[in-house]
Protein backbone atom coordinates (compact mmCIF):
# COMPACT_ATOMS: atom_id res chain seq x y z
CA MET A 1 -36.30 -11.41 -2.69
CA TYR A 2 -35.39 -14.76 -2.00
CA GLU A 3 -37.29 -17.15 0.03
CA VAL A 4 -36.07 -20.26 1.94
CA LYS A 5 -38.65 -22.63 3.04
CA GLU A 6 -38.64 -26.44 3.47
CA GLY A 7 -35.65 -26.72 1.61
CA ILE A 8 -37.03 -25.06 -1.48
CA TYR A 9 -35.36 -22.09 -2.80
CA GLN A 10 -37.27 -19.50 -5.73
CA GLN A 11 -36.51 -16.64 -7.56
CA GLU A 12 -38.69 -15.70 -9.97
CA GLY A 13 -38.51 -17.54 -12.71
CA CYS A 14 -35.58 -19.56 -10.93
CA PHE A 15 -36.92 -23.01 -9.31
CA LEU A 16 -34.28 -25.90 -7.47
CA ARG A 17 -35.46 -28.53 -4.86
CA TYR A 18 -32.47 -29.86 -3.01
CA GLN A 19 -32.91 -32.83 -1.81
CA PHE A 20 -29.63 -34.78 -0.44
CA LEU A 21 -29.54 -37.62 -1.80
CA ASP A 22 -32.29 -39.08 -4.09
CA ARG A 23 -32.27 -35.73 -6.14
CA PHE A 24 -28.90 -35.60 -6.96
CA ARG A 25 -29.93 -36.06 -11.37
CA ILE A 26 -32.82 -32.33 -10.52
CA THR A 27 -29.77 -30.53 -9.25
CA LEU A 28 -27.29 -31.32 -11.49
CA ALA A 29 -29.63 -30.26 -14.16
CA ALA A 30 -31.32 -27.14 -12.43
CA CYS A 31 -27.50 -26.13 -12.09
CA ILE A 32 -26.61 -26.40 -15.82
CA ALA A 33 -30.40 -24.21 -16.39
CA VAL A 34 -28.90 -21.26 -13.90
CA VAL A 35 -25.31 -21.09 -16.47
CA TRP A 36 -27.60 -21.04 -19.62
CA LEU A 37 -30.28 -19.31 -18.38
CA GLY A 38 -28.65 -16.90 -17.33
CA CYS A 39 -29.87 -16.54 -13.43
CA PRO A 40 -28.29 -14.62 -11.11
CA SER A 41 -24.14 -15.56 -10.00
CA SER A 42 -25.30 -13.92 -6.53
CA TRP A 43 -27.92 -17.42 -6.85
CA GLN A 44 -27.92 -18.76 -3.30
CA PRO A 45 -30.58 -18.91 -0.66
CA GLN A 46 -31.27 -15.60 2.31
CA THR A 47 -32.66 -15.02 4.70
CA ASP A 48 -35.09 -12.09 5.75
CA SER A 49 -32.05 -10.68 7.88
CA HIS A 50 -29.98 -11.45 4.75
CA PHE A 51 -26.81 -12.97 6.56
CA VAL A 52 -24.12 -13.70 4.55
CA LYS A 53 -21.20 -15.51 5.67
CA PRO A 54 -18.21 -13.38 6.57
CA PRO A 55 -14.98 -14.28 4.65
CA LYS A 56 -12.63 -16.77 6.61
CA GLU A 57 -10.02 -14.64 8.87
CA PRO A 58 -6.13 -14.51 7.11
CA ARG A 59 -3.95 -16.12 9.37
CA VAL A 60 -1.30 -13.52 10.72
CA ALA A 61 1.97 -13.70 12.71
CA SER A 62 4.00 -11.68 14.22
CA VAL A 63 7.40 -11.96 12.97
CA ASP A 64 11.48 -10.29 13.25
CA ILE A 65 13.45 -9.23 10.20
CA GLU A 66 17.06 -8.99 11.35
CA VAL A 67 19.13 -6.38 9.68
CA SER A 68 22.85 -6.36 9.30
CA LEU A 69 24.00 -2.71 9.21
CA PRO A 70 27.85 -1.49 8.16
CA ASP A 71 28.65 -0.83 11.40
CA GLN A 72 28.61 -4.75 12.19
CA LYS A 73 24.91 -4.25 14.79
CA LYS A 74 21.89 -5.78 14.21
CA ALA A 75 18.11 -3.93 13.55
CA GLN A 76 15.94 -5.98 14.39
CA LEU A 77 12.50 -5.02 12.67
CA GLY A 78 8.97 -6.04 13.87
CA ALA A 79 6.91 -6.97 11.63
CA GLU A 80 3.80 -8.64 10.58
CA LEU A 81 3.37 -11.87 8.32
CA TRP A 82 -0.19 -12.39 7.04
CA ALA A 83 -1.31 -15.84 5.12
CA PRO A 84 -4.38 -16.76 2.83
CA PRO A 85 -6.83 -17.66 4.90
CA ARG A 86 -7.21 -22.02 4.60
CA GLY A 87 -10.28 -22.90 1.89
CA VAL A 88 -8.72 -19.52 -0.01
CA TYR A 89 -6.07 -20.87 -3.11
CA GLY A 90 -3.07 -19.70 -2.23
CA VAL A 91 -1.96 -17.99 -5.76
CA PHE A 92 0.79 -20.11 -8.34
CA PRO A 93 3.74 -19.28 -8.01
CA LYS A 94 3.65 -18.78 -4.86
CA THR A 95 3.35 -14.23 -4.79
CA VAL A 96 4.53 -12.99 -1.23
CA VAL A 97 3.21 -8.95 -0.90
CA ILE A 98 6.10 -7.03 0.79
CA PHE A 99 4.91 -3.43 2.50
CA VAL A 100 7.83 -0.85 2.42
CA PRO A 101 6.96 1.95 5.13
CA GLY A 102 6.13 5.66 3.45
CA SER A 103 6.69 8.52 4.76
CA GLY A 104 7.15 9.47 8.65
CA MET A 105 7.33 7.65 11.40
CA VAL A 106 5.05 4.34 10.38
CA SER A 107 4.97 1.09 11.81
CA ARG A 108 4.36 -1.81 10.50
CA ARG A 109 0.61 -1.07 10.14
CA ALA A 110 0.75 2.18 8.03
CA ARG A 111 -2.07 3.89 11.34
CA GLN A 112 -3.53 6.85 9.81
CA THR A 113 -5.57 9.72 11.35
CA GLY A 114 -5.81 11.36 8.28
CA ASN A 115 -5.92 12.30 5.02
CA GLY A 116 -3.37 15.76 5.44
CA ILE A 117 -6.64 17.81 5.24
CA GLU A 118 -10.06 16.40 7.46
CA THR A 119 -9.63 13.98 10.29
CA TYR A 120 -10.96 10.44 9.67
CA LEU A 121 -13.39 9.53 12.72
CA ALA A 122 -11.14 7.17 13.53
CA SER A 123 -7.73 5.33 12.99
CA VAL A 124 -6.91 3.76 9.63
CA ASP A 125 -4.70 0.27 9.61
CA ILE A 126 -4.18 0.54 5.99
CA ASN A 127 -1.36 -2.06 5.19
CA THR A 128 -4.07 -3.84 7.62
CA GLN A 129 -6.88 -3.55 5.85
CA TRP A 130 -4.83 -4.13 2.07
CA ALA A 131 -2.94 -7.37 3.44
CA ASN A 132 -6.49 -8.95 4.33
CA ALA A 133 -7.90 -8.01 0.81
CA LEU A 134 -4.82 -10.22 -0.77
CA ALA A 135 -4.86 -13.33 2.01
CA GLN A 136 -8.34 -13.18 1.21
CA GLU A 137 -7.18 -13.40 -3.16
CA GLY A 138 -4.67 -15.91 -2.44
CA TYR A 139 -1.81 -13.46 -1.48
CA TRP A 140 1.36 -13.75 1.05
CA SER A 141 2.06 -9.96 3.32
CA LEU A 142 4.94 -8.60 5.31
CA ALA A 143 5.13 -5.01 6.77
CA TYR A 144 7.49 -4.18 9.23
CA ASP A 145 7.66 -1.08 10.88
CA LYS A 146 10.51 1.56 9.68
CA ARG A 147 13.64 1.89 11.15
CA SER A 148 12.99 5.43 12.79
CA CYS A 149 9.98 4.36 14.21
CA GLY A 150 10.56 4.25 17.90
CA PRO A 151 8.07 3.76 21.25
CA ALA A 152 7.26 7.56 21.12
CA HIS A 153 5.38 7.23 17.68
CA GLU A 154 3.24 4.16 18.32
CA ASP A 155 4.00 1.28 21.50
CA ILE A 156 4.44 -1.57 18.95
CA CYS A 157 7.60 0.04 17.54
CA ARG A 158 11.14 -1.18 19.31
CA ASN A 159 13.85 1.67 19.28
CA ASN A 160 16.16 0.58 16.63
CA PRO A 161 19.93 1.27 15.42
CA LEU A 162 20.04 4.39 13.74
CA SER A 163 24.03 5.35 12.66
CA ASP A 164 23.58 4.77 9.01
CA PHE A 165 20.29 5.96 9.03
CA ASN A 166 21.17 9.84 9.86
CA VAL A 167 24.30 9.88 7.25
CA GLU A 168 22.81 7.77 4.52
CA GLY A 169 18.81 8.23 4.63
CA PRO A 170 16.97 6.40 1.74
CA LYS A 171 20.05 4.30 1.17
CA ALA A 172 20.00 3.14 4.69
CA LEU A 173 15.97 2.21 4.63
CA ALA A 174 17.44 0.10 1.33
CA ARG A 175 18.86 -2.34 3.17
CA ASP A 176 16.04 -2.85 5.53
CA VAL A 177 14.02 -3.85 2.28
CA ASP A 178 17.00 -6.36 0.46
CA ALA A 179 16.61 -7.76 4.30
CA ALA A 180 13.09 -8.73 4.04
CA CYS A 181 13.26 -10.45 0.91
CA ALA A 182 15.62 -12.39 2.35
CA TYR A 183 13.17 -12.70 4.91
CA MET A 184 10.27 -13.85 2.44
CA GLN A 185 12.25 -15.93 0.09
CA ASN A 186 14.29 -17.76 3.20
CA ARG A 187 10.61 -18.75 4.37
CA LEU A 188 8.68 -19.12 1.37
CA GLY A 189 11.70 -20.72 -0.90
CA ASP A 190 13.45 -19.08 -3.90
CA GLY A 191 10.54 -19.39 -6.34
CA VAL A 192 8.73 -16.88 -4.94
CA ARG A 193 7.19 -14.20 -6.45
CA ILE A 194 8.63 -10.59 -4.71
CA VAL A 195 5.53 -7.69 -5.20
CA LEU A 196 7.01 -3.89 -3.53
CA TRP A 197 4.22 -1.96 -2.80
CA THR A 198 4.92 1.42 -1.66
CA SER A 199 3.78 5.15 -0.52
CA GLU A 200 5.15 8.36 -0.86
CA GLN A 201 8.85 8.19 -0.21
CA GLY A 202 9.53 5.31 -0.03
CA ALA A 203 8.83 4.51 -3.85
CA GLN A 204 12.26 6.29 -4.18
CA VAL A 205 13.64 3.75 -2.05
CA VAL A 206 12.48 0.98 -2.87
CA LEU A 207 14.24 2.07 -6.55
CA SER A 208 17.67 2.52 -4.46
CA SER A 209 17.21 -1.20 -3.69
CA THR A 210 18.66 -4.54 -4.59
CA CYS A 211 15.56 -6.28 -3.93
CA LEU A 212 14.21 -3.99 -6.86
CA ALA A 213 15.95 -6.46 -9.55
CA ARG A 214 14.93 -9.30 -8.23
CA ALA A 215 10.77 -7.82 -7.45
CA SER A 216 8.54 -9.10 -10.60
CA THR A 217 6.46 -5.96 -10.06
CA LEU A 218 6.18 -2.98 -7.92
CA VAL A 219 2.69 -0.80 -6.92
CA LEU A 220 3.78 2.59 -5.84
CA VAL A 221 1.13 4.33 -4.28
CA THR A 222 1.38 8.39 -4.37
CA PRO A 223 4.59 8.38 -5.17
CA ILE A 224 6.60 11.54 -5.14
CA PRO A 225 7.23 12.11 -8.21
CA TYR A 226 10.05 14.77 -8.45
CA ARG A 227 12.78 17.22 -5.74
CA ILE A 228 11.13 16.45 -2.76
CA ASP A 229 11.58 20.14 -1.32
CA GLU A 230 9.85 21.34 -4.20
CA PHE A 231 6.63 18.70 -4.26
CA TRP A 232 5.75 18.95 -0.57
CA VAL A 233 6.17 22.66 -0.77
CA GLU A 234 4.03 22.96 -4.38
CA GLY A 235 1.30 20.10 -2.69
CA LEU A 236 0.44 22.33 0.50
CA PHE A 237 0.31 25.48 -1.06
CA HIS A 238 -2.40 23.31 -2.71
CA ALA A 239 -4.59 21.62 -0.80
CA SER A 240 -4.21 24.71 1.25
CA HIS A 241 -6.69 25.48 -1.84
CA THR A 242 -9.30 23.27 -1.67
CA ALA A 243 -9.31 23.02 2.17
CA ARG A 244 -12.65 24.33 3.24
CA GLU A 245 -12.30 25.39 6.56
CA PRO A 246 -10.52 28.59 6.94
CA THR A 247 -8.70 27.75 10.00
CA VAL A 248 -7.12 24.34 8.48
CA ARG A 249 -6.91 26.25 5.23
CA ASN A 250 -4.19 28.64 6.84
CA SER A 251 -3.12 26.08 8.40
CA LEU A 252 -1.86 24.30 5.35
CA VAL A 253 -0.65 28.17 4.29
CA GLN A 254 1.50 28.36 7.24
CA LYS A 255 3.10 24.71 7.28
CA ALA A 256 3.80 25.40 2.90
CA ARG A 257 5.43 28.65 4.12
CA ASN A 258 7.67 27.23 6.95
CA LEU A 259 8.31 24.28 5.08
CA LYS A 260 10.02 26.49 2.02
CA ALA A 261 12.30 28.13 4.36
CA THR A 262 13.45 24.86 6.58
CA PHE A 263 14.62 23.34 3.13
CA GLU A 264 16.33 26.74 1.72
CA SER A 265 17.46 27.27 4.84
CA ILE A 266 19.23 23.27 4.44
CA GLN A 267 20.47 24.46 0.71
CA LYS A 268 22.70 27.25 1.95
CA GLY A 269 23.81 25.78 5.05
CA GLN A 270 22.49 28.04 7.79
CA PHE A 271 22.17 24.76 9.89
CA ALA A 272 24.62 23.78 12.60
CA PRO A 273 25.95 19.93 11.29
CA ASP A 274 25.28 18.27 14.06
CA ALA A 275 21.58 19.66 13.92
CA LYS A 276 18.53 17.71 13.58
CA VAL A 277 15.91 19.49 11.37
CA MET A 278 11.79 18.08 11.22
CA GLY A 279 13.34 15.16 13.18
CA ALA A 280 16.08 13.89 11.10
CA THR A 281 19.65 14.45 10.07
CA LEU A 282 20.65 17.24 7.65
CA PRO A 283 23.20 14.49 5.79
CA PHE A 284 19.32 12.81 5.48
CA TRP A 285 17.69 15.48 4.31
CA LYS A 286 20.09 16.80 1.42
CA GLU A 287 20.06 12.61 0.36
CA TRP A 288 15.95 12.81 -0.32
CA ILE A 289 16.77 15.80 -2.33
CA ILE A 290 19.45 14.03 -4.71
CA LEU A 291 18.09 11.10 -4.34
CA THR A 292 14.35 12.47 -5.83
CA LYS A 293 16.28 14.49 -7.98
CA GLN A 294 16.57 11.65 -9.34
CA THR A 295 14.01 9.76 -9.95
CA ASN A 296 13.13 9.69 -13.31
CA VAL A 297 16.86 7.79 -14.03
CA LEU A 298 16.06 5.49 -10.74
CA LEU A 299 12.59 4.04 -12.82
CA GLY A 300 14.21 3.70 -16.03
CA LYS A 301 16.11 0.69 -14.26
CA ALA A 302 13.64 -1.33 -13.03
CA LYS A 303 12.24 -3.56 -15.80
CA GLN A 304 9.02 -4.85 -14.31
CA PRO A 305 5.88 -3.45 -14.21
CA ILE A 306 5.38 -0.55 -12.33
CA LEU A 307 1.73 0.29 -11.09
CA LEU A 308 1.55 4.10 -10.22
CA VAL A 309 -1.68 4.42 -7.91
CA LEU A 310 -3.02 7.67 -7.10
CA GLY A 311 -6.34 8.47 -4.96
CA GLU A 312 -8.16 11.83 -7.99
CA ASP A 313 -8.74 13.35 -4.69
CA ASP A 314 -5.64 13.32 -3.75
CA ALA A 315 -5.17 17.10 -1.84
CA PHE A 316 -1.41 16.73 -3.20
CA TYR A 317 -1.01 16.54 -5.89
CA ASP A 318 -1.19 19.86 -8.32
CA GLU A 319 -1.04 20.16 -12.16
CA LYS A 320 2.06 20.22 -11.99
CA ALA A 321 2.87 16.89 -9.91
CA MET A 322 -0.20 14.70 -12.00
CA ASN A 323 1.92 15.61 -15.29
CA ALA A 324 5.33 14.63 -13.87
CA LEU A 325 3.56 11.36 -12.49
CA LYS A 326 1.86 10.46 -15.95
CA ARG A 327 5.13 11.64 -17.31
CA LEU A 328 6.98 9.08 -15.47
CA GLY A 329 4.21 6.32 -16.31
CA ASN A 330 4.17 6.52 -19.98
CA SER A 331 6.61 4.48 -20.54
CA PRO A 332 6.53 1.30 -21.65
CA GLY A 333 5.52 -1.42 -19.12
CA ARG A 334 3.99 1.57 -16.82
CA GLN A 335 0.68 1.79 -15.35
CA LEU A 336 -0.65 4.60 -13.77
CA VAL A 337 -4.56 3.67 -11.93
CA ASN A 338 -6.01 6.55 -11.05
CA LEU A 339 -8.85 5.91 -8.23
CA SER A 340 -11.86 8.03 -8.26
CA GLY A 341 -13.25 9.66 -5.15
CA VAL A 342 -10.62 8.66 -2.84
CA ASP A 343 -8.22 10.50 -1.43
CA HIS A 344 -4.64 10.80 0.20
CA ASN A 345 -5.20 7.73 1.35
CA LEU A 346 -6.93 5.75 -1.28
CA LEU A 347 -9.56 6.10 0.80
CA LYS A 348 -13.12 7.55 0.94
CA ASP A 349 -14.69 8.69 4.11
CA GLY A 350 -12.17 7.60 6.24
CA VAL A 351 -12.43 3.80 4.32
CA LEU A 352 -10.91 1.34 2.30
CA ASN A 353 -14.03 0.41 -0.31
CA LYS A 354 -14.42 -2.48 -2.19
CA GLU A 355 -14.45 -0.59 -5.63
CA THR A 356 -10.32 0.27 -4.56
CA GLN A 357 -9.52 -2.72 -2.99
CA ASP A 358 -10.38 -4.38 -6.91
CA THR A 359 -9.29 -1.74 -9.62
CA VAL A 360 -5.91 -2.14 -7.41
CA LEU A 361 -6.10 -5.34 -7.33
CA GLY A 362 -7.25 -6.15 -10.86
CA ALA A 363 -4.00 -4.60 -12.27
CA LEU A 364 -2.37 -6.25 -10.01
CA VAL A 365 -2.85 -9.42 -11.10
CA ARG A 366 -3.02 -7.90 -15.15
CA SER A 367 1.30 -7.07 -14.22
CA LEU A 368 2.26 -10.17 -12.96
CA LYS A 369 0.95 -12.19 -16.28
CA ARG A 370 2.61 -10.03 -17.65
CA ASP A 371 6.58 -9.88 -15.82
């Protein structure tokens, strides 16, 4: 326990008397002693209230990303840009992490209310938490709304053109990635390093983008490792075995059965051509099935380091999915980051903990050095 008395800092064998002007020599000698004698690195004055100075807040700005569509229309995607706070040295060369939307109609904040089995005590803005952690380490971050996210899903989203999205699915979303990359390159200069960070369905979007060739590193969180119609159904059945509440277990089984029947009907052509299925068009889902079947081929085209990140407590990854992910990660330049004690969203009890942040950011730093 530290004591603070009249400018004297004490901790067992460590002693330092601090005076502002005429004790510089003593202060310097004591600092050298700290290094050589192994006093705690966290050595600093504390009061009985254990006051710790909070980290400086990163600078956050709301921005718009303009996406040019094939029919000459424009989409204005709402976005947020985080910069390192004043006093934090930025990473050199200047590096930006672009958060590419994953599954669902998600906003720039990637808000989650649960992990698919359990509901969190409060909703969690995943991208906001990661961007704040990255800013403290000197990284810029950009997150933007998924084109399909409208005011009905989150009030910060806008209604955007969906004509190409309905026909091309993930290929249309890949153009949004390219627009985000172009925006940051224009903002920070041609020398900026780009990290593409995404989850779930976003993996195939990133791998289909033109910006893929420009990116220094990919961070793929809980990616879909094989065809989506099989992975989702098998994942729901696996999650039902881990659910403790009978009502949750039965709900997951029913969802799995319904989803399996839906995908079978899509494959057999049993829906009307203009039907909306699970909120999207038939061409949208057919493109996703085709693209997820090609995941291994798409990854083979990526030449930069790739981090494949998974929580050990992810209830939707069964043995088949885990083995598929291990095979995808078994290539030079790819690393499987398996995090203990966290769920599908990399959270523990609805919280992004420090251990998870340190592990992922440490792997990111090492991958950027390899680039």
